[in-house]
């Protein structure tokens, strides 16, 4: 089972999931841990479904979320725009206004963001 779901386990390590634990019992992989944000939890579930299908029966995951007050936190990379960031998290570039409004303490113009800025990606 571990080999089949190695990409899930690797993603958990990459995301630095806290209190992570993996056990195999009776042919079922049991995965627990705490993701930093709902977005990271979603990434893990997406990977589980990618490997095991929409309703896998050979893995049981119990992933908690440390901070439910935001959807995600994002560090701006060179060349990014709020529209690109909104598309990444929400699938819709026009949701950039929600990101801008959540970050007015550090952003004065939605067209001007700087690499290295830490943005809050709000829950919608």
PDB file of N, CA and C in Angstrom:
ATOM      1  N   UNK A   1       0.809  -1.190   0.000  1.00  0.00           N
ATOM      2  CA  UNK A   1       0.000   0.000   0.000  1.00  0.00           C
ATOM      3  C   UNK A   1       0.852   1.252   0.000  1.00  0.00           C
ATOM      4  N   UNK A   2       1.914   1.254   0.786  1.00  0.00           N
ATOM      5  CA  UNK A   2       2.775   2.446   0.844  1.00  0.00           C
ATOM      6  C   UNK A   2       3.309   2.805  -0.536  1.00  0.00           C
ATOM      7  N   UNK A   3       3.684   1.794  -1.302  1.00  0.00           N
ATOM      8  CA  UNK A   3       4.232   2.063  -2.640  1.00  0.00           C
ATOM      9  C   UNK A   3       3.169   2.709  -3.530  1.00  0.00           C
ATOM     10  N   UNK A   4       1.950   2.195  -3.472  1.00  0.00           N
ATOM     11  CA  UNK A   4       0.869   2.739  -4.301  1.00  0.00           C
ATOM     12  C   UNK A   4       0.628   4.213  -3.968  1.00  0.00           C
ATOM     13  N   UNK A   5       0.644   4.555  -2.694  1.00  0.00           N
ATOM     14  CA  UNK A   5       0.334   5.913  -2.253  1.00  0.00           C
ATOM     15  C   UNK A   5       1.584   6.736  -1.913  1.00  0.00           C
ATOM     16  N   UNK A   6       2.726   6.357  -2.484  1.00  0.00           N
ATOM     17  CA  UNK A   6       3.962   7.075  -2.181  1.00  0.00           C
ATOM     18  C   UNK A   6       3.869   8.553  -2.540  1.00  0.00           C
ATOM     19  N   UNK A   7       3.173   8.878  -3.619  1.00  0.00           N
ATOM     20  CA  UNK A   7       3.061  10.296  -4.003  1.00  0.00           C
ATOM     21  C   UNK A   7       2.292  11.087  -2.944  1.00  0.00           C
ATOM     22  N   UNK A   8       1.325  10.465  -2.285  1.00  0.00           N
ATOM     23  CA  UNK A   8       0.581  11.124  -1.205  1.00  0.00           C
ATOM     24  C   UNK A   8       1.508  11.348  -0.019  1.00  0.00           C
ATOM     25  N   UNK A   9       2.276  10.323   0.337  1.00  0.00           N
ATOM     26  CA  UNK A   9       3.199  10.432   1.466  1.00  0.00           C
ATOM     27  C   UNK A   9       4.275  11.475   1.191  1.00  0.00           C
ATOM     28  N   UNK A  10       4.767  11.504  -0.039  1.00  0.00           N
ATOM     29  CA  UNK A  10       5.790  12.490  -0.405  1.00  0.00           C
ATOM     30  C   UNK A  10       5.225  13.905  -0.338  1.00  0.00           C
ATOM     31  N   UNK A  11       3.991  14.089  -0.809  1.00  0.00           N
ATOM     32  CA  UNK A  11       3.356  15.396  -0.734  1.00  0.00           C
ATOM     33  C   UNK A  11       3.177  15.820   0.718  1.00  0.00           C
ATOM     34  N   UNK A  12       2.805  14.897   1.575  1.00  0.00           N
ATOM     35  CA  UNK A  12       2.679  15.200   2.996  1.00  0.00           C
ATOM     36  C   UNK A  12       3.988  15.687   3.585  1.00  0.00           C
ATOM     37  N   UNK A  13       5.083  15.060   3.187  1.00  0.00           N
ATOM     38  CA  UNK A  13       6.404  15.503   3.656  1.00  0.00           C
ATOM     39  C   UNK A  13       6.739  16.878   3.098  1.00  0.00           C
ATOM     40  N   UNK A  14       6.455  17.086   1.816  1.00  0.00           N
ATOM     41  CA  UNK A  14       6.736  18.368   1.164  1.00  0.00           C
ATOM     42  C   UNK A  14       5.961  19.505   1.830  1.00  0.00           C
ATOM     43  N   UNK A  15       4.722  19.238   2.211  1.00  0.00           N
ATOM     44  CA  UNK A  15       3.882  20.251   2.856  1.00  0.00           C
ATOM     45  C   UNK A  15       4.178  20.378   4.348  1.00  0.00           C
ATOM     46  N   UNK A  16       5.049  19.549   4.861  1.00  0.00           N
ATOM     47  CA  UNK A  16       5.416  19.544   6.284  1.00  0.00           C
ATOM     48  C   UNK A  16       4.187  19.343   7.164  1.00  0.00           C
ATOM     49  N   UNK A  17       3.411  18.308   6.845  1.00  0.00           N
ATOM     50  CA  UNK A  17       2.231  17.963   7.633  1.00  0.00           C
ATOM     51  C   UNK A  17       2.678  17.621   9.054  1.00  0.00           C
ATOM     52  N   UNK A  18       2.015  18.232  10.024  1.00  0.00           N
ATOM     53  CA  UNK A  18       2.377  18.014  11.426  1.00  0.00           C
ATOM     54  C   UNK A  18       1.702  16.750  11.962  1.00  0.00           C
ATOM     55  N   UNK A  19       2.342  16.141  12.931  1.00  0.00           N
ATOM     56  CA  UNK A  19       1.810  14.946  13.609  1.00  0.00           C
ATOM     57  C   UNK A  19       1.428  13.848  12.619  1.00  0.00           C
ATOM     58  N   UNK A  20       2.148  13.786  11.508  1.00  0.00           N
ATOM     59  CA  UNK A  20       1.851  12.789  10.488  1.00  0.00           C
ATOM     60  C   UNK A  20       2.157  11.382  10.958  1.00  0.00           C
ATOM     61  N   UNK A  21       1.264  10.462  10.607  1.00  0.00           N
ATOM     62  CA  UNK A  21       1.456   9.067  10.958  1.00  0.00           C
ATOM     63  C   UNK A  21       0.854   8.209   9.851  1.00  0.00           C
ATOM     64  N   UNK A  22       1.543   7.121   9.528  1.00  0.00           N
ATOM     65  CA  UNK A  22       1.084   6.208   8.484  1.00  0.00           C
ATOM     66  C   UNK A  22       1.193   4.790   9.024  1.00  0.00           C
ATOM     67  N   UNK A  23       0.064   4.052   8.964  1.00  0.00           N
ATOM     68  CA  UNK A  23       0.043   2.652   9.403  1.00  0.00           C
ATOM     69  C   UNK A  23      -0.712   1.845   8.361  1.00  0.00           C
ATOM     70  N   UNK A  24      -0.297   0.607   8.215  1.00  0.00           N
ATOM     71  CA  UNK A  24      -1.023  -0.294   7.319  1.00  0.00           C
ATOM     72  C   UNK A  24      -1.635  -1.400   8.164  1.00  0.00           C
ATOM     73  N   UNK A  25      -2.972  -1.568   8.034  1.00  0.00           N
ATOM     74  CA  UNK A  25      -3.678  -2.604   8.773  1.00  0.00           C
ATOM     75  C   UNK A  25      -4.677  -3.280   7.851  1.00  0.00           C
ATOM     76  N   UNK A  26      -4.587  -4.586   7.740  1.00  0.00           N
ATOM     77  CA  UNK A  26      -5.534  -5.375   6.934  1.00  0.00           C
ATOM     78  C   UNK A  26      -5.688  -4.842   5.503  1.00  0.00           C
ATOM     79  N   UNK A  27      -4.577  -4.475   4.909  1.00  0.00           N
ATOM     80  CA  UNK A  27      -4.611  -4.016   3.527  1.00  0.00           C
ATOM     81  C   UNK A  27      -5.115  -2.602   3.338  1.00  0.00           C
ATOM     82  N   UNK A  28      -5.273  -1.852   4.426  1.00  0.00           N
ATOM     83  CA  UNK A  28      -5.723  -0.463   4.342  1.00  0.00           C
ATOM     84  C   UNK A  28      -4.650   0.441   4.943  1.00  0.00           C
ATOM     85  N   UNK A  29      -4.299   1.483   4.201  1.00  0.00           N
ATOM     86  CA  UNK A  29      -3.323   2.453   4.675  1.00  0.00           C
ATOM     87  C   UNK A  29      -4.060   3.523   5.471  1.00  0.00           C
ATOM     88  N   UNK A  30      -3.653   3.734   6.716  1.00  0.00           N
ATOM     89  CA  UNK A  30      -4.251   4.744   7.590  1.00  0.00           C
ATOM     90  C   UNK A  30      -3.276   5.914   7.701  1.00  0.00           C
ATOM     91  N   UNK A  31      -3.729   7.085   7.259  1.00  0.00           N
ATOM     92  CA  UNK A  31      -2.889   8.280   7.238  1.00  0.00           C
ATOM     93  C   UNK A  31      -3.554   9.343   8.108  1.00  0.00           C
ATOM     94  N   UNK A  32      -2.785   9.926   9.023  1.00  0.00           N
ATOM     95  CA  UNK A  32      -3.287  11.018   9.852  1.00  0.00           C
ATOM     96  C   UNK A  32      -2.274  12.145   9.858  1.00  0.00           C
ATOM     97  N   UNK A  33      -2.741  13.343  10.197  1.00  0.00           N
ATOM     98  CA  UNK A  33      -1.852  14.482  10.294  1.00  0.00           C
ATOM     99  C   UNK A  33      -2.640  15.779  10.292  1.00  0.00           C
ATOM    100  N   UNK A  34      -1.901  16.871  10.391  1.00  0.00           N
ATOM    101  CA  UNK A  34      -2.502  18.198  10.421  1.00  0.00           C
ATOM    102  C   UNK A  34      -1.861  19.068   9.353  1.00  0.00           C
ATOM    103  N   UNK A  35      -2.690  19.512   8.400  1.00  0.00           N
ATOM    104  CA  UNK A  35      -2.246  20.424   7.350  1.00  0.00           C
ATOM    105  C   UNK A  35      -2.305  21.855   7.890  1.00  0.00           C
ATOM    106  N   UNK A  36      -1.499  22.737   7.305  1.00  0.00           N
ATOM    107  CA  UNK A  36      -1.498  24.127   7.767  1.00  0.00           C
ATOM    108  C   UNK A  36      -2.794  24.843   7.420  1.00  0.00           C
ATOM    109  N   UNK A  37      -3.328  24.591   6.215  1.00  0.00           N
ATOM    110  CA  UNK A  37      -4.505  25.318   5.737  1.00  0.00           C
ATOM    111  C   UNK A  37      -5.456  24.374   5.004  1.00  0.00           C
ATOM    112  N   UNK A  38      -6.701  24.813   4.776  1.00  0.00           N
ATOM    113  CA  UNK A  38      -7.622  24.003   3.989  1.00  0.00           C
ATOM    114  C   UNK A  38      -7.094  23.695   2.584  1.00  0.00           C
ATOM    115  N   UNK A  39      -6.374  24.629   1.971  1.00  0.00           N
ATOM    116  CA  UNK A  39      -5.822  24.401   0.641  1.00  0.00           C
ATOM    117  C   UNK A  39      -4.872  23.208   0.648  1.00  0.00           C
ATOM    118  N   UNK A  40      -4.003  23.129   1.650  1.00  0.00           N
ATOM    119  CA  UNK A  40      -3.063  22.008   1.726  1.00  0.00           C
ATOM    120  C   UNK A  40      -3.799  20.690   1.966  1.00  0.00           C
ATOM    121  N   UNK A  41      -4.848  20.711   2.771  1.00  0.00           N
ATOM    122  CA  UNK A  41      -5.664  19.511   2.972  1.00  0.00           C
ATOM    123  C   UNK A  41      -6.274  19.082   1.637  1.00  0.00           C
ATOM    124  N   UNK A  42      -6.790  20.051   0.871  1.00  0.00           N
ATOM    125  CA  UNK A  42      -7.359  19.748  -0.441  1.00  0.00           C
ATOM    126  C   UNK A  42      -6.327  19.142  -1.381  1.00  0.00           C
ATOM    127  N   UNK A  43      -5.093  19.658  -1.339  1.00  0.00           N
ATOM    128  CA  UNK A  43      -4.033  19.094  -2.184  1.00  0.00           C
ATOM    129  C   UNK A  43      -3.814  17.617  -1.865  1.00  0.00           C
ATOM    130  N   UNK A  44      -3.796  17.283  -0.578  1.00  0.00           N
ATOM    131  CA  UNK A  44      -3.614  15.882  -0.175  1.00  0.00           C
ATOM    132  C   UNK A  44      -4.773  15.016  -0.657  1.00  0.00           C
ATOM    133  N   UNK A  45      -6.001  15.488  -0.481  1.00  0.00           N
ATOM    134  CA  UNK A  45      -7.162  14.713  -0.926  1.00  0.00           C
ATOM    135  C   UNK A  45      -7.172  14.563  -2.441  1.00  0.00           C
ATOM    136  N   UNK A  46      -6.774  15.605  -3.155  1.00  0.00           N
ATOM    137  CA  UNK A  46      -6.705  15.502  -4.616  1.00  0.00           C
ATOM    138  C   UNK A  46      -5.716  14.417  -5.034  1.00  0.00           C
ATOM    139  N   UNK A  47      -4.588  14.345  -4.340  1.00  0.00           N
ATOM    140  CA  UNK A  47      -3.580  13.327  -4.668  1.00  0.00           C
ATOM    141  C   UNK A  47      -4.080  11.933  -4.309  1.00  0.00           C
ATOM    142  N   UNK A  48      -4.773  11.800  -3.178  1.00  0.00           N
ATOM    143  CA  UNK A  48      -5.352  10.503  -2.800  1.00  0.00           C
ATOM    144  C   UNK A  48      -6.315  10.035  -3.884  1.00  0.00           C
ATOM    145  N   UNK A  49      -7.189  10.916  -4.359  1.00  0.00           N
ATOM    146  CA  UNK A  49      -8.172  10.564  -5.387  1.00  0.00           C
ATOM    147  C   UNK A  49      -7.503  10.282  -6.730  1.00  0.00           C
ATOM    148  N   UNK A  50      -6.423  10.987  -7.006  1.00  0.00           N
ATOM    149  CA  UNK A  50      -5.682  10.752  -8.254  1.00  0.00           C
ATOM    150  C   UNK A  50      -5.131   9.330  -8.278  1.00  0.00           C
ATOM    151  N   UNK A  51      -4.636   8.866  -7.145  1.00  0.00           N
ATOM    152  CA  UNK A  51      -4.044   7.528  -7.065  1.00  0.00           C
ATOM    153  C   UNK A  51      -5.106   6.449  -6.879  1.00  0.00           C
ATOM    154  N   UNK A  52      -6.040   6.684  -5.957  1.00  0.00           N
ATOM    155  CA  UNK A  52      -6.971   5.623  -5.571  1.00  0.00           C
ATOM    156  C   UNK A  52      -8.363   5.720  -6.148  1.00  0.00           C
ATOM    157  N   UNK A  53      -8.647   6.769  -6.910  1.00  0.00           N
ATOM    158  CA  UNK A  53     -10.000   6.939  -7.440  1.00  0.00           C
ATOM    159  C   UNK A  53     -10.845   7.818  -6.531  1.00  0.00           C
ATOM    160  N   UNK A  54     -12.048   8.092  -6.970  1.00  0.00           N
ATOM    161  CA  UNK A  54     -12.921   9.025  -6.248  1.00  0.00           C
ATOM    162  C   UNK A  54     -13.262   8.557  -4.830  1.00  0.00           C
ATOM    163  N   UNK A  55     -13.466   7.271  -4.630  1.00  0.00           N
ATOM    164  CA  UNK A  55     -13.798   6.727  -3.303  1.00  0.00           C
ATOM    165  C   UNK A  55     -12.914   5.520  -2.994  1.00  0.00           C
ATOM    166  N   UNK A  56     -11.632   5.748  -2.732  1.00  0.00           N
ATOM    167  CA  UNK A  56     -10.740   4.612  -2.494  1.00  0.00           C
ATOM    168  C   UNK A  56     -11.084   3.879  -1.204  1.00  0.00           C
ATOM    169  N   UNK A  57     -10.980   2.556  -1.245  1.00  0.00           N
ATOM    170  CA  UNK A  57     -11.275   1.745  -0.064  1.00  0.00           C
ATOM    171  C   UNK A  57     -10.009   1.211   0.607  1.00  0.00           C
ATOM    172  N   UNK A  58      -8.856   1.463  -0.029  1.00  0.00           N
ATOM    173  CA  UNK A  58      -7.600   0.939   0.514  1.00  0.00           C
ATOM    174  C   UNK A  58      -6.782   2.002   1.247  1.00  0.00           C
ATOM    175  N   UNK A  59      -7.393   3.172   1.483  1.00  0.00           N
ATOM    176  CA  UNK A  59      -6.731   4.214   2.263  1.00  0.00           C
ATOM    177  C   UNK A  59      -7.787   4.941   3.088  1.00  0.00           C
ATOM    178  N   UNK A  60      -7.449   5.215   4.329  1.00  0.00           N
ATOM    179  CA  UNK A  60      -8.291   5.999   5.234  1.00  0.00           C
ATOM    180  C   UNK A  60      -7.430   7.174   5.686  1.00  0.00           C
ATOM    181  N   UNK A  61      -7.895   8.388   5.407  1.00  0.00           N
ATOM    182  CA  UNK A  61      -7.123   9.569   5.782  1.00  0.00           C
ATOM    183  C   UNK A  61      -7.930  10.446   6.724  1.00  0.00           C
ATOM    184  N   UNK A  62      -7.286  10.862   7.780  1.00  0.00           N
ATOM    185  CA  UNK A  62      -7.877  11.790   8.738  1.00  0.00           C
ATOM    186  C   UNK A  62      -6.923  12.976   8.827  1.00  0.00           C
ATOM    187  N   UNK A  63      -7.214  13.996   8.028  1.00  0.00           N
ATOM    188  CA  UNK A  63      -6.344  15.167   7.955  1.00  0.00           C
ATOM    189  C   UNK A  63      -7.057  16.344   8.605  1.00  0.00           C
ATOM    190  N   UNK A  64      -6.497  16.848   9.687  1.00  0.00           N
ATOM    191  CA  UNK A  64      -7.026  18.037  10.351  1.00  0.00           C
ATOM    192  C   UNK A  64      -6.391  19.278   9.722  1.00  0.00           C
ATOM    193  N   UNK A  65      -6.915  20.447  10.074  1.00  0.00           N
ATOM    194  CA  UNK A  65      -6.384  21.707   9.574  1.00  0.00           C
ATOM    195  C   UNK A  65      -6.010  22.587  10.758  1.00  0.00           C
ATOM    196  N   UNK A  66      -4.802  23.105  10.731  1.00  0.00           N
ATOM    197  CA  UNK A  66      -4.292  23.944  11.813  1.00  0.00           C
ATOM    198  C   UNK A  66      -4.951  25.325  11.833  1.00  0.00           C
ATOM    199  N   UNK A  67      -5.097  25.952  10.657  1.00  0.00           N
ATOM    200  CA  UNK A  67      -5.618  27.324  10.587  1.00  0.00           C
ATOM    201  C   UNK A  67      -6.769  27.397   9.588  1.00  0.00           C
ATOM    202  N   UNK A  68      -7.989  27.382  10.090  1.00  0.00           N
ATOM    203  CA  UNK A  68      -9.185  27.449   9.240  1.00  0.00           C
ATOM    204  C   UNK A  68      -9.579  28.893   8.926  1.00  0.00           C
ATOM    205  N   UNK A  69      -8.888  29.873   9.523  1.00  0.00           N
ATOM    206  CA  UNK A  69      -9.271  31.271   9.340  1.00  0.00           C
ATOM    207  C   UNK A  69      -8.936  31.786   7.940  1.00  0.00           C
ATOM    208  N   UNK A  70      -8.035  31.099   7.240  1.00  0.00           N
ATOM    209  CA  UNK A  70      -7.667  31.460   5.868  1.00  0.00           C
ATOM    210  C   UNK A  70      -7.705  30.202   5.015  1.00  0.00           C
ATOM    211  N   UNK A  71      -7.855  30.384   3.702  1.00  0.00           N
ATOM    212  CA  UNK A  71      -7.827  29.234   2.803  1.00  0.00           C
ATOM    213  C   UNK A  71      -6.390  28.781   2.586  1.00  0.00           C
ATOM    214  N   UNK A  72      -5.483  29.773   2.445  1.00  0.00           N
ATOM    215  CA  UNK A  72      -4.067  29.456   2.233  1.00  0.00           C
ATOM    216  C   UNK A  72      -3.234  30.693   2.525  1.00  0.00           C
ATOM    217  N   UNK A  73      -1.941  30.495   2.544  1.00  0.00           N
ATOM    218  CA  UNK A  73      -0.972  31.590   2.593  1.00  0.00           C
ATOM    219  C   UNK A  73      -0.066  31.385   1.388  1.00  0.00           C
ATOM    220  N   UNK A  74       0.278  32.479   0.725  1.00  0.00           N
ATOM    221  CA  UNK A  74       1.024  32.374  -0.531  1.00  0.00           C
ATOM    222  C   UNK A  74       2.154  33.387  -0.540  1.00  0.00           C
ATOM    223  N   UNK A  75       3.359  32.921  -0.864  1.00  0.00           N
ATOM    224  CA  UNK A  75       4.491  33.818  -1.049  1.00  0.00           C
ATOM    225  C   UNK A  75       4.597  34.139  -2.535  1.00  0.00           C
ATOM    226  N   UNK A  76       4.535  35.422  -2.863  1.00  0.00           N
ATOM    227  CA  UNK A  76       4.547  35.873  -4.247  1.00  0.00           C
ATOM    228  C   UNK A  76       5.888  35.535  -4.896  1.00  0.00           C
ATOM    229  N   UNK A  77       5.813  34.945  -6.082  1.00  0.00           N
ATOM    230  CA  UNK A  77       7.002  34.645  -6.886  1.00  0.00           C
ATOM    231  C   UNK A  77       7.104  35.670  -8.016  1.00  0.00           C
ATOM    232  N   UNK A  78       8.279  35.800  -8.564  1.00  0.00           N
ATOM    233  CA  UNK A  78       8.521  36.733  -9.667  1.00  0.00           C
ATOM    234  C   UNK A  78       7.576  36.405 -10.828  1.00  0.00           C
ATOM    235  N   UNK A  79       6.961  37.440 -11.381  1.00  0.00           N
ATOM    236  CA  UNK A  79       6.096  37.275 -12.538  1.00  0.00           C
ATOM    237  C   UNK A  79       4.648  36.965 -12.221  1.00  0.00           C
ATOM    238  N   UNK A  80       4.324  36.770 -10.955  1.00  0.00           N
ATOM    239  CA  UNK A  80       2.942  36.467 -10.595  1.00  0.00           C
ATOM    240  C   UNK A  80       2.096  37.737 -10.549  1.00  0.00           C
ATOM    241  N   UNK A  81       0.806  37.543 -10.761  1.00  0.00           N
ATOM    242  CA  UNK A  81      -0.180  38.601 -10.600  1.00  0.00           C
ATOM    243  C   UNK A  81      -1.252  38.083  -9.653  1.00  0.00           C
ATOM    244  N   UNK A  82      -2.067  38.989  -9.141  1.00  0.00           N
ATOM    245  CA  UNK A  82      -3.161  38.534  -8.279  1.00  0.00           C
ATOM    246  C   UNK A  82      -4.120  37.645  -9.060  1.00  0.00           C
ATOM    247  N   UNK A  83      -4.301  37.924 -10.352  1.00  0.00           N
ATOM    248  CA  UNK A  83      -5.159  37.089 -11.189  1.00  0.00           C
ATOM    249  C   UNK A  83      -4.633  35.669 -11.313  1.00  0.00           C
ATOM    250  N   UNK A  84      -3.319  35.527 -11.525  1.00  0.00           N
ATOM    251  CA  UNK A  84      -2.720  34.191 -11.617  1.00  0.00           C
ATOM    252  C   UNK A  84      -2.839  33.446 -10.291  1.00  0.00           C
ATOM    253  N   UNK A  85      -2.639  34.174  -9.208  1.00  0.00           N
ATOM    254  CA  UNK A  85      -2.731  33.556  -7.882  1.00  0.00           C
ATOM    255  C   UNK A  85      -4.176  33.124  -7.613  1.00  0.00           C
ATOM    256  N   UNK A  86      -5.140  33.982  -7.969  1.00  0.00           N
ATOM    257  CA  UNK A  86      -6.557  33.639  -7.787  1.00  0.00           C
ATOM    258  C   UNK A  86      -6.928  32.412  -8.612  1.00  0.00           C
ATOM    259  N   UNK A  87      -6.403  32.312  -9.829  1.00  0.00           N
ATOM    260  CA  UNK A  87      -6.686  31.143 -10.664  1.00  0.00           C
ATOM    261  C   UNK A  87      -6.131  29.882 -10.012  1.00  0.00           C
ATOM    262  N   UNK A  88      -4.927  29.970  -9.423  1.00  0.00           N
ATOM    263  CA  UNK A  88      -4.314  28.810  -8.764  1.00  0.00           C
ATOM    264  C   UNK A  88      -5.181  28.310  -7.604  1.00  0.00           C
ATOM    265  N   UNK A  89      -5.662  29.212  -6.775  1.00  0.00           N
ATOM    266  CA  UNK A  89      -6.379  28.798  -5.568  1.00  0.00           C
ATOM    267  C   UNK A  89      -7.880  28.627  -5.760  1.00  0.00           C
ATOM    268  N   UNK A  90      -8.472  29.442  -6.620  1.00  0.00           N
ATOM    269  CA  UNK A  90      -9.927  29.424  -6.775  1.00  0.00           C
ATOM    270  C   UNK A  90     -10.391  28.934  -8.144  1.00  0.00           C
ATOM    271  N   UNK A  91      -9.451  28.819  -9.087  1.00  0.00           N
ATOM    272  CA  UNK A  91      -9.823  28.420 -10.437  1.00  0.00           C
ATOM    273  C   UNK A  91     -10.419  29.557 -11.254  1.00  0.00           C
ATOM    274  N   UNK A  92     -10.451  30.757 -10.693  1.00  0.00           N
ATOM    275  CA  UNK A  92     -11.045  31.911 -11.361  1.00  0.00           C
ATOM    276  C   UNK A  92     -10.183  33.155 -11.147  1.00  0.00           C
ATOM    277  N   UNK A  93      -9.549  33.670 -12.219  1.00  0.00           N
ATOM    278  CA  UNK A  93      -8.673  34.833 -12.069  1.00  0.00           C
ATOM    279  C   UNK A  93      -9.388  36.080 -11.538  1.00  0.00           C
ATOM    280  N   UNK A  94     -10.673  36.228 -11.842  1.00  0.00           N
ATOM    281  CA  UNK A  94     -11.391  37.429 -11.422  1.00  0.00           C
ATOM    282  C   UNK A  94     -11.629  37.487  -9.908  1.00  0.00           C
ATOM    283  N   UNK A  95     -11.330  36.415  -9.207  1.00  0.00           N
ATOM    284  CA  UNK A  95     -11.453  36.412  -7.745  1.00  0.00           C
ATOM    285  C   UNK A  95     -10.264  37.130  -7.092  1.00  0.00           C
ATOM    286  N   UNK A  96      -9.403  37.733  -7.932  1.00  0.00           N
ATOM    287  CA  UNK A  96      -8.236  38.457  -7.402  1.00  0.00           C
ATOM    288  C   UNK A  96      -8.663  39.545  -6.416  1.00  0.00           C
ATOM    289  N   UNK A  97      -9.867  40.090  -6.587  1.00  0.00           N
ATOM    290  CA  UNK A  97     -10.312  41.166  -5.696  1.00  0.00           C
ATOM    291  C   UNK A  97     -10.418  40.684  -4.253  1.00  0.00           C
ATOM    292  N   UNK A  98     -10.824  39.435  -4.060  1.00  0.00           N
ATOM    293  CA  UNK A  98     -10.917  38.895  -2.701  1.00  0.00           C
ATOM    294  C   UNK A  98      -9.529  38.832  -2.061  1.00  0.00           C
ATOM    295  N   UNK A  99      -8.537  38.446  -2.848  1.00  0.00           N
ATOM    296  CA  UNK A  99      -7.165  38.388  -2.330  1.00  0.00           C
ATOM    297  C   UNK A  99      -6.666  39.796  -2.016  1.00  0.00           C
ATOM    298  N   UNK A 100      -6.934  40.736  -2.927  1.00  0.00           N
ATOM    299  CA  UNK A 100      -6.516  42.118  -2.696  1.00  0.00           C
ATOM    300  C   UNK A 100      -7.146  42.667  -1.419  1.00  0.00           C
ATOM    301  N   UNK A 101      -8.453  42.486  -1.274  1.00  0.00           N
ATOM    302  CA  UNK A 101      -9.159  43.017  -0.097  1.00  0.00           C
ATOM    303  C   UNK A 101      -8.659  42.408   1.206  1.00  0.00           C
ATOM    304  N   UNK A 102      -8.223  41.150   1.162  1.00  0.00           N
ATOM    305  CA  UNK A 102      -7.710  40.497   2.367  1.00  0.00           C
ATOM    306  C   UNK A 102      -6.300  40.946   2.723  1.00  0.00           C
ATOM    307  N   UNK A 103      -5.657  41.675   1.804  1.00  0.00           N
ATOM    308  CA  UNK A 103      -4.255  42.051   2.011  1.00  0.00           C
ATOM    309  C   UNK A 103      -4.003  43.545   1.901  1.00  0.00           C
ATOM    310  N   UNK A 104      -5.032  44.360   2.153  1.00  0.00           N
ATOM    311  CA  UNK A 104      -4.855  45.814   2.012  1.00  0.00           C
ATOM    312  C   UNK A 104      -3.850  46.396   3.003  1.00  0.00           C
ATOM    313  N   UNK A 105      -3.513  45.667   4.031  1.00  0.00           N
ATOM    314  CA  UNK A 105      -2.493  46.154   4.969  1.00  0.00           C
ATOM    315  C   UNK A 105      -1.121  46.205   4.305  1.00  0.00           C
ATOM    316  N   UNK A 106      -0.889  45.354   3.288  1.00  0.00           N
ATOM    317  CA  UNK A 106       0.418  45.369   2.611  1.00  0.00           C
ATOM    318  C   UNK A 106       0.319  45.742   1.135  1.00  0.00           C
ATOM    319  N   UNK A 107      -0.899  45.685   0.565  1.00  0.00           N
ATOM    320  CA  UNK A 107      -1.081  46.033  -0.844  1.00  0.00           C
ATOM    321  C   UNK A 107      -1.897  47.314  -0.965  1.00  0.00           C
ATOM    322  N   UNK A 108      -1.414  48.235  -1.793  1.00  0.00           N
ATOM    323  CA  UNK A 108      -2.144  49.483  -2.020  1.00  0.00           C
ATOM    324  C   UNK A 108      -2.800  49.506  -3.398  1.00  0.00           C
ATOM    325  N   UNK A 109      -2.325  48.636  -4.301  1.00  0.00           N
ATOM    326  CA  UNK A 109      -2.817  48.604  -5.678  1.00  0.00           C
ATOM    327  C   UNK A 109      -2.837  47.133  -6.115  1.00  0.00           C
ATOM    328  N   UNK A 110      -3.954  46.629  -6.638  1.00  0.00           N
ATOM    329  CA  UNK A 110      -4.010  45.218  -7.029  1.00  0.00           C
ATOM    330  C   UNK A 110      -3.086  44.866  -8.197  1.00  0.00           C
ATOM    331  N   UNK A 111      -2.606  45.885  -8.891  1.00  0.00           N
ATOM    332  CA  UNK A 111      -1.700  45.642 -10.019  1.00  0.00           C
ATOM    333  C   UNK A 111      -0.231  45.656  -9.609  1.00  0.00           C
ATOM    334  N   UNK A 112       0.046  45.906  -8.333  1.00  0.00           N
ATOM    335  CA  UNK A 112       1.439  46.001  -7.875  1.00  0.00           C
ATOM    336  C   UNK A 112       1.652  45.057  -6.694  1.00  0.00           C
ATOM    337  N   UNK A 113       2.265  43.915  -6.985  1.00  0.00           N
ATOM    338  CA  UNK A 113       2.679  42.987  -5.923  1.00  0.00           C
ATOM    339  C   UNK A 113       4.155  42.684  -6.141  1.00  0.00           C
ATOM    340  N   UNK A 114       4.826  42.344  -5.056  1.00  0.00           N
ATOM    341  CA  UNK A 114       6.275  42.146  -5.109  1.00  0.00           C
ATOM    342  C   UNK A 114       6.649  40.715  -4.725  1.00  0.00           C
ATOM    343  N   UNK A 115       7.646  40.149  -5.421  1.00  0.00           N
ATOM    344  CA  UNK A 115       8.131  38.826  -5.007  1.00  0.00           C
ATOM    345  C   UNK A 115       8.528  38.843  -3.540  1.00  0.00           C
ATOM    346  N   UNK A 116       8.172  37.774  -2.842  1.00  0.00           N
ATOM    347  CA  UNK A 116       8.509  37.651  -1.436  1.00  0.00           C
ATOM    348  C   UNK A 116       7.396  38.087  -0.495  1.00  0.00           C
ATOM    349  N   UNK A 117       6.418  38.837  -1.005  1.00  0.00           N
ATOM    350  CA  UNK A 117       5.308  39.237  -0.136  1.00  0.00           C
ATOM    351  C   UNK A 117       4.499  37.990   0.243  1.00  0.00           C
ATOM    352  N   UNK A 118       4.106  37.942   1.503  1.00  0.00           N
ATOM    353  CA  UNK A 118       3.294  36.836   2.015  1.00  0.00           C
ATOM    354  C   UNK A 118       1.841  37.294   2.008  1.00  0.00           C
ATOM    355  N   UNK A 119       1.027  36.640   1.167  1.00  0.00           N
ATOM    356  CA  UNK A 119      -0.376  37.022   1.027  1.00  0.00           C
ATOM    357  C   UNK A 119      -1.291  36.014   1.713  1.00  0.00           C
ATOM    358  N   UNK A 120      -2.355  36.529   2.291  1.00  0.00           N
ATOM    359  CA  UNK A 120      -3.418  35.697   2.827  1.00  0.00           C
ATOM    360  C   UNK A 120      -4.373  35.420   1.677  1.00  0.00           C
ATOM    361  N   UNK A 121      -4.705  34.150   1.479  1.00  0.00           N
ATOM    362  CA  UNK A 121      -5.702  33.751   0.497  1.00  0.00           C
ATOM    363  C   UNK A 121      -6.960  33.432   1.318  1.00  0.00           C
ATOM    364  N   UNK A 122      -7.971  34.313   1.247  1.00  0.00           N
ATOM    365  CA  UNK A 122      -9.116  34.154   2.154  1.00  0.00           C
ATOM    366  C   UNK A 122     -10.043  33.022   1.754  1.00  0.00           C
ATOM    367  N   UNK A 123     -10.793  32.549   2.725  1.00  0.00           N
ATOM    368  CA  UNK A 123     -11.877  31.613   2.462  1.00  0.00           C
ATOM    369  C   UNK A 123     -12.962  32.362   1.705  1.00  0.00           C
ATOM    370  N   UNK A 124     -13.541  31.732   0.726  1.00  0.00           N
ATOM    371  CA  UNK A 124     -14.650  32.373  -0.002  1.00  0.00           C
ATOM    372  C   UNK A 124     -15.969  31.801   0.438  1.00  0.00           C
TER     373      UNK A 124
END
